[in-house]
Amino acid sequence: MINLPDFELLKISQLSGIPTRKIYDALDHVLIILPSDPPETLFRRLPQGTQLRRLLKKTRNTKAQSATSRLNNSKATGVTVATLDGATTAFNQLTWARKIITRCSQDQPGNLGILVLGLEEEKRQSTLENLVAAAEAAAFQLPTFKSVKKTKAPLERIKILASKPRVNLNTIRAQALGNNIARWFTALPPNKLDAKNYRKLVKALCARYGIQATVLDESKLERLGANAFLAVSQGNANRDAGIIQLRYRPPGIKYPGLMLVGKGILFDTGGTNLKPFKSMLDMHMDMEGSAVALGALIALATLEVPYGIDAWLAVTENRLSATAYKSQDIIQAANGTTIQIIHTDAEGRMVLADTLALAAREKPDVIIDYATLTGTCVSALTERYSGVFSNRIKANALLYHAGVSAGERVWPFPMDEDYDEMLHSEVADIKQCSEAGYGDHILAARFLSKFVPKDIPWIHIDLSAGQHKGGLAHIPSDITGFGVKLTLELLSERGPTALAKELS
């Protein structure tokens, strides 16, 4: 059994005054953000201002607009001076922050000072928020199983200097917590994160935050008629699959206004329609949707949002075996819809179908689901954007702008009813997918829409940006945990009830 790490490792403090030599002496590295052409009076306010002025001139000759040296103090504290010119969008600003924090991290500081001077107040605050977000992501270590551990010293503490007024970092830190959770679970190898261990780890994690956890195991799902989920899980060697239901309830709230649903395929062989070897290499990450739902739930719970939330994690493997489901099987889902199986590697929509149908029975205001669902979404958008779909056309603009603001970019796709012609079945209510293959991200969303009542606003996020080589925005790892920041941005100024009204 693996142990849960500390997902909130980084300690952050804010000091109000201009830094002194004594403060510099207590830091391993200091990052100073300045405008490209600051007034001379600014350098006069700072210890070692002459050296900092020289460093600023060096930044103009670098693509990264930054330069690094050491201060002339007793500790020879590392110093990086950088400017923010040209980073206009939230995504670009977060990307800049990741690169700057990476540069500072080369010095392996245990504690890092951050000083932002000479910017307008709104810009100062957003810059600090982006740098903290990038530092939180960089400081958190994804699981590794090397017999010889690296001796790299982790970043443990940040001191924000000259922070007056103080910056409210609650939402940034909640987003970082949720993202760290999502990335950590997604990175675990499939023999370490089987269904049994996933349940144990999720329950232990949720106990830290006062979130109730129950499991609908296969016997319970059978009684509920969740045969679409069970069709996928029936090929597993063990009977550990199930839907993990998590409940956050603030005082006085009994019912969930928000449902978060996540695809949790712990390993995907493709089943009877077996994947080729290269396509199977990363299939332990096919549970990222469930990890994002879990991370988003805990992030919102730490912010003590005033509405109830349920997260439903559909956890199973999709294995090749004598008992695995097959093409042309006919399956009846929990809401009574009959499904003609076409391709057993379209298992994600099968487990989500029943999970969405069961979640909808509690009549939430809004349902959001997350899934690494289709390769065609990656083909359409690459791994830089994720695709979004909804049964409310008003959601398209809302989701796009939330993605722009969050720096987790999304693109809406059509959901017109005539796409259903490609899922027409002669022998069942609906085909699981089309034999043709093209446009499968749209058809998968149309398929899932059959399991959400039309009176409930529903958003489906196909996580094509869940993995991106070299990281994405402020996240330095290939596994991005995409979706947590987007969700909090979507709900930052409105709860699920207000969101549902806005979409009506």
Protein backbone atom coordinates (compact mmCIF):
# COMPACT_ATOMS: atom_id res chain seq x y z
CA MET A 1 0.00 0.00 0.00
CA ILE A 2 1.44 3.37 -1.00
CA ASN A 3 1.15 6.30 1.35
CA LEU A 4 -0.46 9.59 0.52
CA PRO A 5 2.02 12.47 0.25
CA ASP A 6 1.62 15.97 1.63
CA PHE A 7 -0.28 17.68 -1.17
CA GLU A 8 0.08 21.09 0.54
CA LEU A 9 3.84 21.01 1.05
CA LEU A 10 4.71 24.62 0.22
CA LYS A 11 4.68 27.14 3.07
CA ILE A 12 3.95 30.74 2.05
CA SER A 13 4.31 33.96 4.05
CA GLN A 14 3.93 37.63 3.10
CA LEU A 15 6.12 40.47 4.40
CA SER A 16 4.98 44.06 4.03
CA GLY A 17 8.21 46.10 3.98
CA ILE A 18 10.89 46.60 1.34
CA PRO A 19 13.44 43.79 1.84
CA THR A 20 16.55 44.48 3.85
CA ARG A 21 19.98 42.85 3.65
CA LYS A 22 18.95 40.73 6.64
CA ILE A 23 15.97 39.35 4.73
CA TYR A 24 18.17 38.60 1.70
CA ASP A 25 20.57 36.74 4.02
CA ALA A 26 17.73 34.43 5.10
CA LEU A 27 16.85 33.42 1.53
CA ASP A 28 18.42 30.81 -0.74
CA HIS A 29 17.22 32.66 -3.84
CA VAL A 30 15.27 35.83 -4.56
CA LEU A 31 13.16 36.44 -7.66
CA ILE A 32 12.65 40.11 -8.52
CA ILE A 33 10.04 41.11 -11.14
CA LEU A 34 10.39 44.63 -12.53
CA PRO A 35 8.98 46.65 -15.41
CA SER A 36 11.29 46.77 -18.41
CA ASP A 37 12.12 50.44 -17.85
CA PRO A 38 11.67 51.22 -14.13
CA PRO A 39 12.40 54.66 -12.65
CA GLU A 40 15.81 55.18 -11.07
CA THR A 41 14.15 55.80 -7.69
CA LEU A 42 13.05 52.17 -7.60
CA PHE A 43 16.65 50.90 -7.45
CA ARG A 44 17.50 53.38 -4.73
CA ARG A 45 14.90 51.73 -2.51
CA LEU A 46 16.48 48.29 -2.84
CA PRO A 47 19.60 46.85 -1.22
CA GLN A 48 22.22 46.21 -3.92
CA GLY A 49 20.18 48.26 -6.36
CA THR A 50 23.19 48.92 -8.60
CA GLN A 51 23.73 45.19 -9.15
CA LEU A 52 20.02 44.69 -9.82
CA ARG A 53 20.07 47.50 -12.40
CA ARG A 54 22.88 45.73 -14.25
CA LEU A 55 20.97 42.44 -14.17
CA LEU A 56 17.87 44.13 -15.55
CA LYS A 57 19.89 45.38 -18.54
CA LYS A 58 20.98 41.79 -19.22
CA THR A 59 17.36 40.62 -19.44
CA ARG A 60 16.86 42.68 -22.59
CA ASN A 61 19.26 40.42 -24.46
CA THR A 62 17.57 37.15 -23.44
CA LYS A 63 14.51 35.45 -24.92
CA ALA A 64 13.28 34.59 -21.43
CA GLN A 65 13.60 38.24 -20.35
CA SER A 66 15.45 37.12 -17.23
CA ALA A 67 18.98 37.04 -15.86
CA THR A 68 20.50 35.23 -12.88
CA SER A 69 23.46 36.01 -10.63
CA ARG A 70 24.36 36.07 -6.93
CA LEU A 71 24.00 38.86 -4.44
CA ASN A 72 27.03 40.32 -2.71
CA ASN A 73 25.96 39.23 0.77
CA SER A 74 27.17 36.76 3.40
CA LYS A 75 25.11 33.90 1.92
CA ALA A 76 25.76 34.72 -1.74
CA THR A 77 22.02 34.47 -2.23
CA GLY A 78 20.98 33.60 -5.76
CA VAL A 79 19.03 36.30 -7.59
CA THR A 80 16.93 36.25 -10.73
CA VAL A 81 15.66 39.47 -12.25
CA ALA A 82 12.87 39.23 -14.84
CA THR A 83 10.35 41.35 -16.70
CA LEU A 84 6.83 40.50 -17.81
CA ASP A 85 6.60 42.31 -21.14
CA GLY A 86 4.65 40.58 -23.90
CA ALA A 87 2.77 37.98 -21.82
CA THR A 88 -0.78 39.17 -22.50
CA THR A 89 -3.09 36.16 -22.01
CA ALA A 90 -3.52 34.17 -18.80
CA PHE A 91 -2.05 31.11 -20.53
CA ASN A 92 1.05 33.03 -21.64
CA GLN A 93 1.48 34.59 -18.21
CA LEU A 94 1.28 31.19 -16.54
CA THR A 95 3.73 29.76 -19.07
CA TRP A 96 6.10 32.65 -18.32
CA ALA A 97 5.73 31.97 -14.59
CA ARG A 98 6.60 28.28 -15.08
CA LYS A 99 9.76 29.16 -17.00
CA ILE A 100 10.86 31.75 -14.44
CA ILE A 101 10.26 29.39 -11.50
CA THR A 102 12.14 26.65 -13.38
CA ARG A 103 15.07 29.03 -13.76
CA CYS A 104 15.06 29.84 -10.05
CA SER A 105 14.77 26.13 -9.21
CA GLN A 106 18.09 25.41 -10.91
CA ASP A 107 19.63 26.95 -7.78
CA GLN A 108 17.74 24.33 -5.71
CA PRO A 109 16.46 26.84 -3.15
CA GLY A 110 14.74 25.54 -0.04
CA ASN A 111 13.22 28.98 0.45
CA LEU A 112 12.52 31.49 -2.29
CA GLY A 113 11.77 35.18 -1.96
CA ILE A 114 9.53 36.84 -4.56
CA LEU A 115 9.53 40.60 -4.99
CA VAL A 116 7.30 42.34 -7.55
CA LEU A 117 7.87 46.09 -7.82
CA GLY A 118 6.89 48.90 -10.16
CA LEU A 119 3.73 47.27 -11.58
CA GLU A 120 0.16 48.50 -11.26
CA GLU A 121 -1.55 46.87 -8.28
CA GLU A 122 -3.84 44.59 -10.28
CA LYS A 123 -0.90 43.44 -12.39
CA ARG A 124 1.26 42.95 -9.30
CA GLN A 125 -1.35 40.70 -7.70
CA SER A 126 -1.98 38.61 -10.81
CA THR A 127 1.77 38.19 -11.35
CA LEU A 128 2.23 36.97 -7.78
CA GLU A 129 -0.72 34.60 -8.15
CA ASN A 130 0.80 33.11 -11.32
CA LEU A 131 4.24 32.73 -9.74
CA VAL A 132 2.78 31.05 -6.65
CA ALA A 133 0.73 28.70 -8.87
CA ALA A 134 3.86 27.77 -10.81
CA ALA A 135 5.90 27.34 -7.62
CA GLU A 136 3.24 25.10 -6.07
CA ALA A 137 3.28 22.87 -9.15
CA ALA A 138 7.09 22.80 -9.35
CA ALA A 139 7.57 22.03 -5.65
CA PHE A 140 5.24 19.03 -5.67
CA GLN A 141 6.98 15.78 -6.53
CA LEU A 142 5.14 13.16 -8.59
CA PRO A 143 5.56 9.55 -7.43
CA THR A 144 8.80 7.81 -8.29
CA PHE A 145 9.95 4.29 -7.58
CA LYS A 146 13.69 4.56 -8.21
CA SER A 147 15.83 2.48 -5.86
CA VAL A 148 18.30 5.36 -5.60
CA LYS A 149 16.55 8.59 -4.72
CA LYS A 150 17.70 11.89 -6.21
CA THR A 151 19.19 14.28 -3.70
CA LYS A 152 17.61 17.42 -5.20
CA ALA A 153 16.49 19.72 -2.39
CA PRO A 154 12.80 20.55 -2.70
CA LEU A 155 11.41 24.06 -2.57
CA GLU A 156 9.65 24.26 0.78
CA ARG A 157 8.97 27.92 1.53
CA ILE A 158 8.10 31.10 -0.31
CA LYS A 159 8.33 34.59 1.15
CA ILE A 160 6.46 37.27 -0.77
CA LEU A 161 8.31 40.53 -0.16
CA ALA A 162 6.89 44.07 -0.09
CA SER A 163 3.42 42.53 -0.16
CA LYS A 164 1.24 45.47 0.74
CA PRO A 165 -1.63 45.06 0.36
CA ARG A 166 -1.46 41.33 0.95
CA VAL A 167 -2.49 39.05 -1.88
CA ASN A 168 -5.39 36.68 -1.22
CA LEU A 169 -3.98 33.30 -2.29
CA ASN A 170 -6.80 31.06 -1.04
CA THR A 171 -8.16 30.18 -4.48
CA ILE A 172 -4.70 29.77 -6.02
CA ARG A 173 -3.68 27.42 -3.24
CA ALA A 174 -6.92 25.44 -3.51
CA GLN A 175 -6.37 25.08 -7.25
CA ALA A 176 -2.81 23.90 -6.62
CA LEU A 177 -3.99 21.37 -4.04
CA GLY A 178 -6.56 19.93 -6.43
CA ASN A 179 -4.11 19.85 -9.31
CA ASN A 180 -1.42 18.12 -7.23
CA ILE A 181 -3.97 15.48 -6.22
CA ALA A 182 -5.03 14.94 -9.83
CA ARG A 183 -1.45 14.65 -11.12
CA TRP A 184 -0.26 12.38 -8.32
CA PHE A 185 -3.01 9.80 -8.74
CA THR A 186 -2.69 9.89 -12.54
CA ALA A 187 1.07 9.23 -12.36
CA LEU A 188 0.76 6.05 -10.29
CA PRO A 189 1.58 2.80 -12.15
CA PRO A 190 -1.27 0.34 -12.69
CA ASN A 191 0.06 -2.35 -10.36
CA LYS A 192 0.19 0.21 -7.53
CA LEU A 193 -3.16 1.87 -8.23
CA ASP A 194 -5.58 -0.99 -8.68
CA ALA A 195 -9.26 -0.55 -7.82
CA LYS A 196 -8.82 -1.76 -4.25
CA ASN A 197 -5.95 0.64 -3.51
CA TYR A 198 -7.70 3.51 -5.26
CA ARG A 199 -10.67 3.15 -2.92
CA LYS A 200 -8.43 3.03 0.15
CA LEU A 201 -6.39 6.05 -0.89
CA VAL A 202 -9.44 8.11 -1.83
CA LYS A 203 -11.15 7.33 1.47
CA ALA A 204 -8.02 8.22 3.45
CA LEU A 205 -7.58 11.47 1.52
CA CYS A 206 -11.21 12.50 1.87
CA ALA A 207 -11.11 11.83 5.61
CA ARG A 208 -8.57 14.69 5.86
CA TYR A 209 -11.15 17.12 4.48
CA GLY A 210 -14.36 15.87 6.08
CA ILE A 211 -15.69 14.33 2.86
CA GLN A 212 -17.80 11.20 3.12
CA ALA A 213 -16.89 8.28 0.85
CA THR A 214 -18.97 5.23 -0.07
CA VAL A 215 -18.55 2.61 -2.78
CA LEU A 216 -21.13 1.12 -5.10
CA ASP A 217 -19.50 -2.26 -5.73
CA GLU A 218 -20.43 -4.64 -8.51
CA SER A 219 -23.21 -6.32 -6.54
CA LYS A 220 -24.82 -2.95 -5.76
CA LEU A 221 -24.41 -1.82 -9.35
CA GLU A 222 -26.07 -5.01 -10.55
CA ARG A 223 -29.09 -4.26 -8.34
CA LEU A 224 -29.16 -0.73 -9.78
CA GLY A 225 -29.14 -2.08 -13.33
CA ALA A 226 -25.78 -0.47 -14.17
CA ASN A 227 -25.00 -3.04 -16.85
CA ALA A 228 -23.04 -0.65 -19.08
CA PHE A 229 -20.44 -0.24 -16.31
CA LEU A 230 -20.53 -3.96 -15.52
CA ALA A 231 -20.01 -4.87 -19.18
CA VAL A 232 -16.58 -3.24 -18.96
CA SER A 233 -15.69 -4.56 -15.52
CA GLN A 234 -16.75 -8.16 -16.24
CA GLY A 235 -13.43 -8.82 -17.99
CA ASN A 236 -11.37 -8.04 -14.86
CA ALA A 237 -9.64 -10.82 -12.95
CA ASN A 238 -10.82 -9.35 -9.61
CA ARG A 239 -14.22 -8.11 -8.54
CA ASP A 240 -12.93 -4.82 -7.11
CA ALA A 241 -14.44 -2.41 -9.62
CA GLY A 242 -17.10 0.04 -8.59
CA ILE A 243 -18.25 3.64 -8.44
CA ILE A 244 -16.79 5.68 -5.58
CA GLN A 245 -19.30 8.28 -4.41
CA LEU A 246 -17.93 11.24 -2.44
CA ARG A 247 -20.07 13.79 -0.59
CA TYR A 248 -19.19 17.29 0.56
CA ARG A 249 -21.91 18.99 2.61
CA PRO A 250 -21.47 22.38 4.29
CA PRO A 251 -23.56 23.01 7.43
CA GLY A 252 -27.29 23.10 6.73
CA ILE A 253 -27.03 21.69 3.19
CA LYS A 254 -28.52 18.24 2.52
CA TYR A 255 -28.56 17.96 -1.25
CA PRO A 256 -25.83 18.26 -3.91
CA GLY A 257 -26.14 21.25 -6.21
CA LEU A 258 -23.10 20.10 -8.18
CA MET A 259 -22.19 16.65 -9.48
CA LEU A 260 -18.63 15.94 -10.66
CA VAL A 261 -18.28 12.68 -12.60
CA GLY A 262 -14.94 11.18 -13.62
CA LYS A 263 -13.81 8.35 -15.86
CA GLY A 264 -11.53 6.10 -13.80
CA ILE A 265 -10.22 3.42 -16.17
CA LEU A 266 -7.15 2.29 -14.22
CA PHE A 267 -5.73 0.42 -17.17
CA ASP A 268 -7.16 0.17 -20.66
CA THR A 269 -6.04 -2.69 -22.89
CA GLY A 270 -8.84 -1.96 -25.33
CA GLY A 271 -10.48 -5.20 -24.30
CA THR A 272 -11.43 -7.67 -27.05
CA ASN A 273 -10.52 -5.00 -29.63
CA LEU A 274 -6.97 -4.93 -28.27
CA LYS A 275 -4.90 -1.74 -28.54
CA PRO A 276 -1.48 -1.86 -30.28
CA PHE A 277 1.49 -1.70 -27.95
CA LYS A 278 2.36 2.01 -28.29
CA SER A 279 -1.25 3.01 -27.74
CA MET A 280 -1.29 1.03 -24.49
CA LEU A 281 1.86 2.51 -22.92
CA ASP A 282 0.11 5.39 -21.18
CA MET A 283 -3.17 3.66 -20.44
CA HIS A 284 -2.57 3.72 -16.68
CA MET A 285 -3.39 7.43 -17.12
CA ASP A 286 -6.85 6.69 -18.50
CA MET A 287 -8.23 7.40 -15.03
CA GLU A 288 -7.22 11.07 -15.09
CA GLY A 289 -10.85 12.20 -15.37
CA SER A 290 -11.65 10.64 -12.00
CA ALA A 291 -8.52 12.19 -10.47
CA VAL A 292 -9.54 15.63 -11.76
CA ALA A 293 -13.05 15.21 -10.34
CA LEU A 294 -11.49 14.21 -7.00
CA GLY A 295 -9.06 17.14 -7.05
CA ALA A 296 -11.77 19.64 -7.98
CA LEU A 297 -14.02 18.37 -5.17
CA ILE A 298 -11.31 18.71 -2.53
CA ALA A 299 -10.27 22.13 -3.85
CA LEU A 300 -13.84 23.40 -3.56
CA ALA A 301 -14.23 21.81 -0.13
CA THR A 302 -11.13 23.60 1.19
CA LEU A 303 -12.67 26.87 0.01
CA GLU A 304 -15.77 25.93 2.06
CA VAL A 305 -18.15 26.69 -0.79
CA PRO A 306 -21.75 27.03 0.48
CA TYR A 307 -23.30 24.31 -1.68
CA GLY A 308 -23.28 20.52 -1.64
CA ILE A 309 -21.10 18.57 -4.07
CA ASP A 310 -20.96 14.91 -5.01
CA ALA A 311 -18.12 13.35 -6.98
CA TRP A 312 -18.75 10.03 -8.71
CA LEU A 313 -15.58 8.16 -9.74
CA ALA A 314 -16.21 5.29 -12.17
CA VAL A 315 -13.32 2.95 -11.32
CA THR A 316 -12.48 -0.21 -13.24
CA GLU A 317 -10.03 -1.68 -15.71
CA ASN A 318 -10.78 -2.66 -19.29
CA ARG A 319 -9.05 -6.00 -19.67
CA LEU A 320 -8.73 -8.67 -22.32
CA SER A 321 -10.09 -11.99 -21.01
CA ALA A 322 -12.48 -14.81 -21.78
CA THR A 323 -15.21 -12.97 -19.90
CA ALA A 324 -14.64 -9.52 -21.50
CA TYR A 325 -17.53 -7.92 -23.35
CA LYS A 326 -17.59 -8.16 -27.13
CA SER A 327 -18.63 -6.33 -30.27
CA GLN A 328 -22.37 -6.80 -30.99
CA ASP A 329 -23.25 -7.48 -27.35
CA ILE A 330 -26.52 -5.77 -26.40
CA ILE A 331 -26.37 -4.05 -22.99
CA GLN A 332 -29.15 -2.29 -21.07
CA ALA A 333 -27.92 0.70 -19.04
CA ALA A 334 -29.22 1.91 -15.70
CA ASN A 335 -31.70 4.33 -17.28
CA GLY A 336 -33.16 1.56 -19.47
CA THR A 337 -31.38 2.55 -22.70
CA THR A 338 -30.20 -0.45 -24.73
CA ILE A 339 -26.75 -0.21 -26.32
CA GLN A 340 -25.30 -2.09 -29.29
CA ILE A 341 -21.60 -2.62 -28.66
CA ILE A 342 -19.42 -1.75 -31.65
CA HIS A 343 -15.89 -1.38 -30.26
CA THR A 344 -14.75 -2.54 -26.82
CA ASP A 345 -12.12 0.21 -26.68
CA ALA A 346 -14.96 2.73 -26.36
CA GLU A 347 -15.29 1.63 -22.75
CA GLY A 348 -15.05 5.09 -21.20
CA ARG A 349 -18.46 6.15 -22.47
CA MET A 350 -19.92 2.89 -21.18
CA VAL A 351 -18.85 3.41 -17.56
CA LEU A 352 -19.76 7.10 -17.75
CA ALA A 353 -23.22 6.30 -19.13
CA ASP A 354 -24.31 4.49 -15.98
CA THR A 355 -22.43 6.86 -13.67
CA LEU A 356 -24.14 9.89 -15.23
CA ALA A 357 -27.53 8.19 -15.08
CA LEU A 358 -27.11 7.33 -11.39
CA ALA A 359 -25.78 10.79 -10.49
CA ALA A 360 -28.71 12.42 -12.29
CA ARG A 361 -31.21 10.58 -10.08
CA GLU A 362 -30.35 12.98 -7.24
CA LYS A 363 -31.52 15.95 -9.36
CA PRO A 364 -28.47 18.24 -9.05
CA ASP A 365 -28.43 21.74 -10.51
CA VAL A 366 -25.45 20.98 -12.76
CA ILE A 367 -23.41 17.91 -13.79
CA ILE A 368 -19.80 18.18 -15.04
CA ASP A 369 -17.93 15.11 -16.24
CA TYR A 370 -14.23 14.71 -17.02
CA ALA A 371 -12.70 12.00 -19.18
CA THR A 372 -9.65 11.21 -21.28
CA LEU A 373 -12.25 9.95 -23.69
CA THR A 374 -11.28 10.12 -27.37
CA GLY A 375 -8.24 10.24 -29.60
CA THR A 376 -10.20 12.28 -32.13
CA CYS A 377 -10.35 15.19 -29.67
CA VAL A 378 -6.54 15.14 -29.54
CA SER A 379 -6.48 15.00 -33.34
CA ALA A 380 -8.81 17.99 -33.52
CA LEU A 381 -7.17 20.20 -30.87
CA THR A 382 -3.74 18.66 -30.14
CA GLU A 383 -2.82 18.31 -26.46
CA ARG A 384 -2.85 22.08 -25.82
CA TYR A 385 -6.64 22.49 -25.57
CA SER A 386 -9.39 20.28 -24.19
CA GLY A 387 -12.77 19.85 -25.85
CA VAL A 388 -16.01 20.88 -24.14
CA PHE A 389 -19.57 19.86 -24.90
CA SER A 390 -22.90 20.69 -23.29
CA ASN A 391 -26.63 20.16 -23.60
CA ARG A 392 -26.95 23.96 -23.19
CA ILE A 393 -25.64 26.05 -26.10
CA LYS A 394 -25.14 29.01 -23.73
CA ALA A 395 -22.42 26.98 -22.02
CA ASN A 396 -20.12 27.23 -25.04
CA ALA A 397 -19.20 30.89 -24.60
CA LEU A 398 -19.15 30.55 -20.81
CA LEU A 399 -16.71 27.63 -20.93
CA TYR A 400 -14.51 29.27 -23.54
CA HIS A 401 -14.13 32.46 -21.49
CA ALA A 402 -13.57 30.49 -18.27
CA GLY A 403 -10.76 28.66 -20.06
CA VAL A 404 -9.23 31.92 -21.25
CA SER A 405 -9.35 33.37 -17.70
CA ALA A 406 -8.00 30.19 -16.08
CA GLY A 407 -5.25 29.55 -18.61
CA GLU A 408 -6.73 26.07 -19.15
CA ARG A 409 -7.94 26.57 -22.68
CA VAL A 410 -10.98 24.76 -24.07
CA TRP A 411 -12.83 24.72 -27.37
CA PRO A 412 -16.57 23.98 -27.69
CA PHE A 413 -17.82 21.42 -30.21
CA PRO A 414 -21.26 21.05 -31.81
CA MET A 415 -23.94 18.93 -30.21
CA ASP A 416 -26.62 18.99 -32.92
CA GLU A 417 -29.19 16.18 -32.81
CA ASP A 418 -28.59 15.06 -36.40
CA TYR A 419 -25.26 13.59 -35.29
CA ASP A 420 -27.39 10.85 -33.72
CA GLU A 421 -27.97 9.45 -37.22
CA MET A 422 -24.41 8.09 -37.04
CA LEU A 423 -25.33 6.23 -33.83
CA HIS A 424 -28.56 4.73 -35.16
CA SER A 425 -28.89 1.04 -34.38
CA GLU A 426 -31.20 -1.48 -36.04
CA VAL A 427 -31.23 -3.71 -32.96
CA ALA A 428 -30.90 -1.40 -29.92
CA ASP A 429 -31.76 2.12 -28.83
CA ILE A 430 -28.32 3.41 -29.72
CA LYS A 431 -24.92 2.31 -30.99
CA GLN A 432 -22.04 2.69 -28.59
CA CYS A 433 -20.00 4.43 -31.33
CA SER A 434 -19.77 4.69 -35.09
CA GLU A 435 -17.82 2.20 -37.15
CA ALA A 436 -16.40 5.09 -39.18
CA GLY A 437 -14.29 6.54 -36.35
CA TYR A 438 -14.14 10.17 -37.47
CA GLY A 439 -15.78 12.80 -35.26
CA ASP A 440 -15.79 10.32 -32.40
CA HIS A 441 -15.39 13.06 -29.75
CA ILE A 442 -18.68 14.57 -30.90
CA LEU A 443 -20.42 11.21 -31.16
CA ALA A 444 -19.18 10.19 -27.72
CA ALA A 445 -20.72 13.35 -26.29
CA ARG A 446 -23.98 12.70 -28.14
CA PHE A 447 -23.97 9.16 -26.74
CA LEU A 448 -23.43 10.40 -23.18
CA SER A 449 -26.22 12.95 -23.53
CA LYS A 450 -28.71 10.06 -23.66
CA PHE A 451 -27.95 9.33 -20.00
CA VAL A 452 -28.50 12.84 -18.64
CA PRO A 453 -32.10 14.11 -18.35
CA LYS A 454 -32.66 17.13 -20.57
CA ASP A 455 -33.77 19.29 -17.64
CA ILE A 456 -30.31 19.07 -15.98
CA PRO A 457 -27.54 21.29 -17.41
CA TRP A 458 -24.60 19.05 -18.23
CA ILE A 459 -21.00 19.78 -19.28
CA HIS A 460 -18.67 17.16 -20.71
CA ILE A 461 -14.90 17.83 -20.81
CA ASP A 462 -12.82 15.59 -23.08
CA LEU A 463 -9.35 15.95 -21.55
CA SER A 464 -7.21 16.04 -24.67
CA ALA A 465 -4.86 18.36 -22.72
CA GLY A 466 -4.58 15.97 -19.78
CA GLN A 467 -1.09 15.10 -20.95
CA HIS A 468 1.33 17.38 -22.78
CA LYS A 469 5.05 16.77 -23.17
CA GLY A 470 7.05 19.38 -21.28
CA GLY A 471 4.07 20.63 -19.30
CA LEU A 472 1.37 23.17 -20.05
CA ALA A 473 0.79 26.70 -18.74
CA HIS A 474 2.16 26.75 -15.15
CA ILE A 475 2.39 22.94 -14.83
CA PRO A 476 5.92 21.55 -15.43
CA SER A 477 5.05 17.83 -15.71
CA ASP A 478 3.78 15.93 -18.76
CA ILE A 479 0.71 15.02 -16.71
CA THR A 480 -1.15 18.32 -16.45
CA GLY A 481 -4.14 17.64 -14.16
CA PHE A 482 -6.10 19.82 -16.58
CA GLY A 483 -9.60 20.70 -15.41
CA VAL A 484 -9.27 21.60 -11.73
CA LYS A 485 -8.36 25.24 -12.38
CA LEU A 486 -11.01 25.50 -15.10
CA THR A 487 -13.70 24.19 -12.74
CA LEU A 488 -12.84 26.62 -9.97
CA GLU A 489 -12.78 29.47 -12.47
CA LEU A 490 -16.20 28.45 -13.78
CA LEU A 491 -17.65 28.43 -10.26
CA SER A 492 -15.63 31.29 -8.76
CA GLU A 493 -18.35 33.91 -9.11
CA ARG A 494 -21.39 31.66 -9.16
CA GLY A 495 -22.56 28.48 -7.47
CA PRO A 496 -24.22 25.64 -9.37
CA THR A 497 -27.73 27.07 -8.89
CA ALA A 498 -26.70 30.40 -10.41
CA LEU A 499 -24.79 28.57 -13.15
CA ALA A 500 -27.88 26.51 -14.02
CA LYS A 501 -30.00 29.69 -14.26
CA GLU A 502 -27.37 31.32 -16.45
CA LEU A 503 -27.48 28.35 -18.80
CA SER A 504 -31.28 28.13 -18.97
